[in-house]
Amino acid sequence: MSDAQTMRTSTARRFRSDDERWAAVVNRDHAAVGQFFYCVTTTGVYCRPGCAARHPRRENVRFHTSCEEAENAGFRPCRRCRPNEPSLAERHARSVAAACRLVETAEELPDLDALAEAAGMSRFHFHRVFKALTGFTPRAYAAAHRAERTREALRTSRTVTEAIYDSGFNSSGRFYAASPETLGMAPATFRGGGKGETIRFAVGECSLGSILVAATAKGVCAILLGDDPASLTRELEDRFPRAALVGGDEEFESIVARTVGLVEAPSLGHDLPLDIRGTAFQRRIWLALCDVPAGQTASYSEIADRAGSPKAARAVARACAANPLAVAIPCHRVVRNDGTLGGYRWGVERKRTLLAREISS
């Protein structure tokens, strides 16, 4: 069962009795919209639970589960809440979905005025509705989609120049200006899977199992935890398929030792130079994670809010799962809204251990 189906089922269970339904009518509970309709015997109309009309007397109210059922019982739709037509929330959701499709299919990304006009709203109203439903402004959504198009174009196009126009940019200057924020690296580096780069790495052991530490000339680009050293090495190869991977020298061993020290005592923090590579959204989330103090936790929703995308809790979870720098970017400090641990890329037991160490230190 999908999350949406689960939510609808859970909501329906809240309104199984007439007492619960009447309470929803009195409170104008918009969560009940679509779950049932109430009919007023003295006026002969039926309404949505959130209708703004004056409340009828309880003894004059009957409940039905559909418009058809209410109309078959002899009631007509309220002219105020128009229960037989799509609700305002549904109309907004359809308009935003259509705007998203327009962004995704347009050769050149449409501006806010064009999107608002297509949705039949004013510029200001559309901007507010879009952000409320998606967690992103229209511009941020368009930028995120363009970033995805850029990454895909760089993977499939024959040249970087071809990728520039395949991803919707109308000039190479704008493309190269946006690429550090969009890709986290130069376009040629992204396209080449690390081609031309030398990455030093070493695999060792720590109290949480095997640990792989890898670094470019800029800084540590991967800290991976697991049970099988060979699997960690393969994961690094998959991440940088065309880079030159070389074993670390004595100088590199000091970086490995400092990284292992971070795992053993995460509350002490670190001064490791980091080479953080990810999308603009991922880096925004990872930066918000770094602001969570050692020994404390934050929910996915709280991190989304801190990152400026309050509706993007699921995207936060995906960003945590994509984090290549275990402990240095402390995604182990993110928990579910109810305080339970949730998932962790390197295993829930490791997450529990890291949090326990921080709390006890």
Protein backbone atom coordinates (compact mmCIF):
# COMPACT_ATOMS: atom_id res chain seq x y z
CA MET A 1 0.00 0.00 0.00
CA SER A 2 1.38 3.44 -0.94
CA ASP A 3 1.88 6.23 1.60
CA ALA A 4 -1.02 8.14 0.01
CA GLN A 5 -3.33 5.14 0.31
CA THR A 6 -2.25 4.59 3.90
CA MET A 7 -2.97 8.24 4.70
CA ARG A 8 -6.43 8.09 3.12
CA THR A 9 -7.25 4.87 4.97
CA SER A 10 -6.05 6.35 8.27
CA THR A 11 -8.10 9.50 7.69
CA ALA A 12 -11.22 7.53 6.84
CA ARG A 13 -10.92 5.60 10.08
CA ARG A 14 -11.11 8.87 12.01
CA PHE A 15 -14.64 9.53 10.70
CA ARG A 16 -16.34 6.15 11.13
CA SER A 17 -18.97 7.34 13.60
CA ASP A 18 -21.55 10.11 13.22
CA ASP A 19 -20.15 11.78 16.35
CA GLU A 20 -16.71 12.00 14.73
CA ARG A 21 -18.24 13.30 11.51
CA TRP A 22 -20.26 15.95 13.35
CA ALA A 23 -17.16 17.08 15.24
CA ALA A 24 -15.38 17.48 11.89
CA VAL A 25 -18.29 19.61 10.59
CA VAL A 26 -18.26 21.83 13.69
CA ASN A 27 -14.47 22.27 13.47
CA ARG A 28 -14.56 22.66 9.69
CA ASP A 29 -11.86 19.99 9.57
CA HIS A 30 -10.45 20.05 6.06
CA ALA A 31 -8.90 16.61 6.63
CA ALA A 32 -12.46 15.28 6.36
CA VAL A 33 -13.07 16.77 2.91
CA GLY A 34 -13.71 13.93 0.50
CA GLN A 35 -14.39 11.45 3.31
CA PHE A 36 -18.09 12.23 3.66
CA PHE A 37 -20.77 14.88 3.03
CA TYR A 38 -23.34 16.23 5.45
CA CYS A 39 -26.94 16.87 4.46
CA VAL A 40 -29.32 19.36 6.10
CA THR A 41 -32.92 18.20 6.16
CA THR A 42 -34.38 21.69 6.71
CA THR A 43 -32.72 23.23 3.64
CA GLY A 44 -32.41 20.16 1.41
CA VAL A 45 -28.72 20.81 0.59
CA TYR A 46 -25.57 18.82 1.17
CA CYS A 47 -22.10 20.25 1.90
CA ARG A 48 -18.47 19.41 2.39
CA PRO A 49 -17.31 19.11 6.03
CA GLY A 50 -15.29 22.32 5.67
CA CYS A 51 -18.13 24.44 4.27
CA ALA A 52 -18.08 28.02 5.58
CA ALA A 53 -21.89 28.21 5.80
CA ARG A 54 -23.56 28.65 9.18
CA HIS A 55 -23.73 25.37 11.12
CA PRO A 56 -27.13 23.64 11.14
CA ARG A 57 -28.66 22.07 14.22
CA ARG A 58 -27.31 18.58 14.87
CA GLU A 59 -30.75 16.93 14.75
CA ASN A 60 -31.23 18.20 11.19
CA VAL A 61 -28.02 16.67 9.84
CA ARG A 62 -27.56 13.38 7.99
CA PHE A 63 -24.30 11.97 6.60
CA HIS A 64 -23.52 10.34 3.25
CA THR A 65 -20.30 9.04 1.76
CA SER A 66 -20.71 10.38 -1.79
CA CYS A 67 -22.43 13.11 -3.79
CA GLU A 68 -24.41 10.47 -5.67
CA GLU A 69 -25.67 8.96 -2.44
CA ALA A 70 -26.70 12.39 -1.11
CA GLU A 71 -28.48 13.33 -4.35
CA ASN A 72 -30.26 9.97 -4.51
CA ALA A 73 -31.57 10.78 -1.01
CA GLY A 74 -33.11 13.97 -2.41
CA PHE A 75 -30.50 16.59 -1.49
CA ARG A 76 -28.97 19.18 -3.84
CA PRO A 77 -25.39 20.55 -3.77
CA CYS A 78 -24.60 23.63 -1.69
CA ARG A 79 -23.95 26.69 -3.86
CA ARG A 80 -21.29 27.92 -1.47
CA CYS A 81 -18.90 24.97 -1.12
CA ARG A 82 -19.99 23.26 -4.40
CA PRO A 83 -19.41 19.72 -3.09
CA ASN A 84 -20.10 18.13 -6.50
CA GLU A 85 -17.16 20.01 -8.06
CA PRO A 86 -13.41 19.63 -7.40
CA SER A 87 -12.38 21.32 -4.15
CA LEU A 88 -10.10 24.34 -4.11
CA ALA A 89 -7.26 22.14 -2.86
CA GLU A 90 -7.85 19.69 -5.70
CA ARG A 91 -7.92 22.50 -8.25
CA HIS A 92 -4.68 23.91 -6.85
CA ALA A 93 -3.06 20.46 -6.92
CA ARG A 94 -4.07 19.97 -10.56
CA SER A 95 -2.79 23.42 -11.52
CA VAL A 96 0.55 22.82 -9.82
CA ALA A 97 0.87 19.36 -11.37
CA ALA A 98 0.18 20.88 -14.80
CA ALA A 99 2.80 23.57 -14.15
CA CYS A 100 5.35 20.92 -13.19
CA ARG A 101 4.64 19.03 -16.42
CA LEU A 102 5.03 22.29 -18.36
CA VAL A 103 8.43 22.85 -16.76
CA GLU A 104 9.48 19.27 -17.45
CA THR A 105 8.47 19.21 -21.11
CA ALA A 106 9.37 22.74 -22.25
CA GLU A 107 12.35 23.18 -24.55
CA GLU A 108 13.20 26.38 -22.69
CA LEU A 109 12.17 26.75 -19.07
CA PRO A 110 9.06 29.00 -18.80
CA ASP A 111 9.14 32.04 -16.55
CA LEU A 112 6.82 32.68 -13.59
CA ASP A 113 4.39 34.81 -15.58
CA ALA A 114 3.89 32.06 -18.17
CA LEU A 115 3.33 29.42 -15.50
CA ALA A 116 0.87 31.60 -13.58
CA GLU A 117 -1.06 32.42 -16.75
CA ALA A 118 -1.31 28.72 -17.66
CA ALA A 119 -2.63 28.00 -14.15
CA GLY A 120 -5.20 30.80 -14.38
CA MET A 121 -3.82 32.57 -11.30
CA SER A 122 -2.09 35.83 -10.55
CA ARG A 123 1.69 35.77 -10.40
CA PHE A 124 1.75 36.23 -6.62
CA HIS A 125 -1.02 33.72 -5.88
CA PHE A 126 0.49 31.04 -8.11
CA HIS A 127 3.91 31.46 -6.46
CA ARG A 128 2.37 31.03 -3.00
CA VAL A 129 0.25 28.01 -3.97
CA PHE A 130 3.13 26.30 -5.80
CA LYS A 131 5.49 26.63 -2.84
CA ALA A 132 2.85 25.49 -0.36
CA LEU A 133 2.24 22.28 -2.30
CA THR A 134 5.75 21.38 -3.46
CA GLY A 135 8.03 22.94 -0.87
CA PHE A 136 9.88 24.74 -3.68
CA THR A 137 9.39 28.04 -5.40
CA PRO A 138 8.64 27.69 -9.14
CA ARG A 139 12.12 28.97 -9.90
CA ALA A 140 13.76 26.45 -7.53
CA TYR A 141 11.69 23.62 -8.99
CA ALA A 142 12.69 24.65 -12.52
CA ALA A 143 16.34 24.86 -11.46
CA ALA A 144 16.19 21.39 -9.87
CA HIS A 145 14.62 19.95 -13.00
CA ARG A 146 17.20 21.64 -15.19
CA ALA A 147 19.94 20.20 -12.96
CA GLU A 148 18.55 16.72 -13.52
CA ARG A 149 18.32 17.35 -17.25
CA THR A 150 21.91 18.58 -17.19
CA ARG A 151 23.19 15.48 -15.44
CA GLU A 152 21.29 13.22 -17.83
CA ALA A 153 22.47 15.18 -20.88
CA LEU A 154 26.09 14.94 -19.76
CA ARG A 155 25.71 11.18 -19.44
CA THR A 156 24.08 10.65 -22.84
CA SER A 157 25.22 13.48 -25.15
CA ARG A 158 28.26 13.03 -27.36
CA THR A 159 29.91 16.27 -26.23
CA VAL A 160 29.59 18.84 -23.46
CA THR A 161 28.51 21.41 -26.07
CA GLU A 162 25.67 19.13 -27.16
CA ALA A 163 24.69 18.64 -23.51
CA ILE A 164 24.46 22.42 -23.04
CA TYR A 165 21.59 22.71 -25.50
CA ASP A 166 20.01 19.34 -24.68
CA SER A 167 19.57 20.49 -21.08
CA GLY A 168 17.82 23.73 -22.06
CA PHE A 169 20.59 26.30 -21.75
CA ASN A 170 20.70 28.84 -24.56
CA SER A 171 24.33 29.83 -24.02
CA SER A 172 27.49 28.07 -22.93
CA GLY A 173 28.32 30.96 -20.57
CA ARG A 174 25.16 30.42 -18.50
CA PHE A 175 25.79 26.68 -18.47
CA TYR A 176 29.35 26.94 -17.13
CA ALA A 177 28.33 29.62 -14.63
CA ALA A 178 25.62 27.31 -13.23
CA SER A 179 27.57 24.04 -13.33
CA PRO A 180 29.38 24.29 -9.95
CA GLU A 181 26.02 24.82 -8.18
CA THR A 182 24.17 22.33 -10.38
CA LEU A 183 26.71 19.52 -10.52
CA GLY A 184 29.09 20.18 -7.63
CA MET A 185 32.00 20.00 -10.09
CA ALA A 186 33.06 21.02 -13.55
CA PRO A 187 30.92 19.58 -16.39
CA ALA A 188 33.83 17.70 -17.93
CA THR A 189 34.66 16.13 -14.59
CA PHE A 190 31.07 15.04 -14.06
CA ARG A 191 30.82 13.68 -17.59
CA GLY A 192 34.10 11.84 -17.22
CA GLY A 193 33.22 10.09 -13.95
CA GLY A 194 36.36 11.50 -12.38
CA LYS A 195 38.48 11.15 -15.53
CA GLY A 196 41.82 12.84 -15.07
CA GLU A 197 41.55 12.91 -11.29
CA THR A 198 43.76 11.00 -8.91
CA ILE A 199 41.98 9.74 -5.81
CA ARG A 200 43.95 8.30 -2.95
CA PHE A 201 42.18 5.80 -0.76
CA ALA A 202 42.71 3.29 2.01
CA VAL A 203 40.54 0.67 3.66
CA GLY A 204 40.91 -0.04 7.35
CA GLU A 205 39.02 -1.23 10.38
CA CYS A 206 37.26 0.68 13.14
CA SER A 207 34.84 -0.20 15.91
CA LEU A 208 31.94 0.00 13.40
CA GLY A 209 33.51 -2.46 10.95
CA SER A 210 35.36 -1.68 7.75
CA ILE A 211 35.97 1.93 6.74
CA LEU A 212 37.12 3.35 3.41
CA VAL A 213 38.56 6.86 3.23
CA ALA A 214 39.19 8.50 -0.13
CA ALA A 215 40.47 11.96 -1.00
CA THR A 216 41.20 14.17 -4.00
CA ALA A 217 43.71 16.97 -4.01
CA LYS A 218 40.92 19.18 -2.63
CA GLY A 219 39.95 17.01 0.34
CA VAL A 220 38.19 13.88 1.58
CA CYS A 221 35.53 12.91 -0.97
CA ALA A 222 34.28 9.65 0.55
CA ILE A 223 34.00 8.02 3.96
CA LEU A 224 32.24 4.69 3.58
CA LEU A 225 31.31 2.19 6.29
CA GLY A 226 30.45 -1.47 5.88
CA ASP A 227 31.29 -5.09 6.62
CA ASP A 228 33.17 -6.03 3.46
CA PRO A 229 36.27 -4.06 2.37
CA ALA A 230 35.93 -5.30 -1.22
CA SER A 231 32.35 -3.96 -1.42
CA LEU A 232 33.49 -0.55 -0.19
CA THR A 233 36.19 -0.45 -2.86
CA ARG A 234 33.67 -1.37 -5.56
CA GLU A 235 31.37 1.40 -4.33
CA LEU A 236 34.21 3.90 -4.69
CA GLU A 237 34.95 2.60 -8.20
CA ASP A 238 31.29 2.98 -9.15
CA ARG A 239 31.27 6.56 -7.87
CA PHE A 240 34.43 7.51 -9.78
CA PRO A 241 34.56 5.01 -12.66
CA ARG A 242 37.20 6.87 -14.66
CA ALA A 243 39.38 8.29 -11.92
CA ALA A 244 42.81 6.93 -11.10
CA LEU A 245 42.43 5.22 -7.72
CA VAL A 246 45.72 4.79 -5.90
CA GLY A 247 46.61 3.50 -2.48
CA GLY A 248 47.33 6.11 0.13
CA ASP A 249 50.89 6.93 1.18
CA GLU A 250 52.22 7.71 4.66
CA GLU A 251 50.90 11.26 4.49
CA PHE A 252 47.46 9.92 3.65
CA GLU A 253 47.55 7.57 6.62
CA SER A 254 47.27 10.60 8.91
CA ILE A 255 44.00 11.56 7.21
CA VAL A 256 42.74 8.01 7.66
CA ALA A 257 43.70 8.09 11.34
CA ARG A 258 41.88 11.41 11.86
CA THR A 259 38.82 9.98 10.10
CA VAL A 260 38.81 6.87 12.27
CA GLY A 261 39.14 9.15 15.30
CA LEU A 262 36.02 11.00 14.15
CA VAL A 263 34.09 7.73 14.00
CA GLU A 264 35.29 6.69 17.44
CA ALA A 265 34.51 10.10 19.00
CA PRO A 266 32.03 11.91 16.72
CA SER A 267 31.17 14.50 19.36
CA LEU A 268 34.67 15.99 19.09
CA GLY A 269 34.05 17.17 15.54
CA HIS A 270 36.75 17.31 12.89
CA ASP A 271 38.99 19.58 10.87
CA LEU A 272 39.21 17.33 7.82
CA PRO A 273 39.36 19.11 4.45
CA LEU A 274 36.31 17.93 2.51
CA ASP A 275 35.61 17.68 -1.21
CA ILE A 276 31.80 17.67 -1.11
CA ARG A 277 30.12 16.73 -4.38
CA GLY A 278 26.38 16.73 -4.85
CA THR A 279 23.48 18.66 -6.28
CA ALA A 280 22.64 22.11 -4.99
CA PHE A 281 19.73 20.68 -2.99
CA GLN A 282 21.85 17.89 -1.50
CA ARG A 283 24.54 20.29 -0.41
CA ARG A 284 21.93 22.54 1.18
CA ILE A 285 20.62 19.58 3.17
CA TRP A 286 24.10 18.42 4.14
CA LEU A 287 24.95 21.93 5.34
CA ALA A 288 21.82 21.91 7.51
CA LEU A 289 22.88 18.53 8.94
CA CYS A 290 26.21 19.96 9.99
CA ASP A 291 24.37 22.54 12.10
CA VAL A 292 22.80 19.83 14.30
CA PRO A 293 24.95 19.73 17.47
CA ALA A 294 26.59 16.49 18.56
CA GLY A 295 24.39 14.56 20.98
CA GLN A 296 21.21 16.06 19.54
CA THR A 297 18.88 14.93 16.77
CA ALA A 298 16.53 16.57 14.29
CA SER A 299 13.65 15.16 12.29
CA TYR A 300 13.59 14.98 8.51
CA SER A 301 10.90 17.67 8.57
CA GLU A 302 13.03 19.94 10.77
CA ILE A 303 16.00 19.59 8.43
CA ALA A 304 13.76 20.35 5.45
CA ASP A 305 12.55 23.48 7.22
CA ARG A 306 16.08 24.60 8.10
CA ALA A 307 17.12 24.10 4.48
CA GLY A 308 14.28 26.31 3.27
CA SER A 309 12.16 23.49 1.80
CA PRO A 310 9.60 22.69 4.53
CA LYS A 311 7.60 20.25 2.36
CA ALA A 312 10.65 18.26 1.25
CA ALA A 313 11.06 15.77 4.12
CA ARG A 314 11.26 12.82 1.74
CA ALA A 315 13.86 14.59 -0.37
CA VAL A 316 15.85 15.10 2.84
CA ALA A 317 15.77 11.34 3.42
CA ARG A 318 17.06 10.77 -0.12
CA ALA A 319 19.84 13.32 0.41
CA CYS A 320 20.84 11.52 3.62
CA ALA A 321 20.91 8.21 1.77
CA ALA A 322 23.19 9.77 -0.89
CA ASN A 323 25.64 11.23 1.65
CA PRO A 324 29.11 9.86 0.78
CA LEU A 325 30.82 11.25 3.89
CA ALA A 326 29.75 9.17 6.87
CA VAL A 327 29.92 11.00 10.23
CA ALA A 328 31.72 14.02 8.71
CA ILE A 329 28.29 14.99 7.36
CA PRO A 330 26.25 13.76 10.36
CA CYS A 331 23.17 12.24 8.75
CA HIS A 332 23.10 9.83 11.70
CA ARG A 333 21.57 12.71 13.71
CA VAL A 334 18.38 12.71 11.64
CA VAL A 335 15.42 10.76 13.03
CA ARG A 336 11.75 10.29 12.22
CA ASN A 337 9.15 12.75 13.45
CA ASP A 338 8.22 10.37 16.29
CA GLY A 339 11.83 10.21 17.48
CA THR A 340 12.57 6.68 16.23
CA LEU A 341 15.84 6.18 14.39
CA GLY A 342 14.55 5.46 10.88
CA GLY A 343 17.00 4.26 8.25
CA TYR A 344 20.72 4.83 7.80
CA ARG A 345 22.84 4.23 4.73
CA TRP A 346 25.38 2.23 6.72
CA GLY A 347 22.94 0.37 8.97
CA VAL A 348 20.70 1.35 11.86
CA GLU A 349 22.94 -0.30 14.45
CA ARG A 350 25.84 1.93 13.44
CA LYS A 351 23.50 4.93 13.71
CA ARG A 352 22.43 3.87 17.18
CA THR A 353 26.06 3.42 18.25
CA LEU A 354 27.14 6.84 16.93
CA LEU A 355 24.28 8.61 18.69
CA ALA A 356 24.97 6.75 21.95
CA ARG A 357 28.61 7.80 21.81
CA GLU A 358 27.67 11.44 21.30
CA ILE A 359 25.12 11.44 24.10
CA SER A 360 27.46 9.79 26.58
CA SER A 361 30.47 12.00 25.85
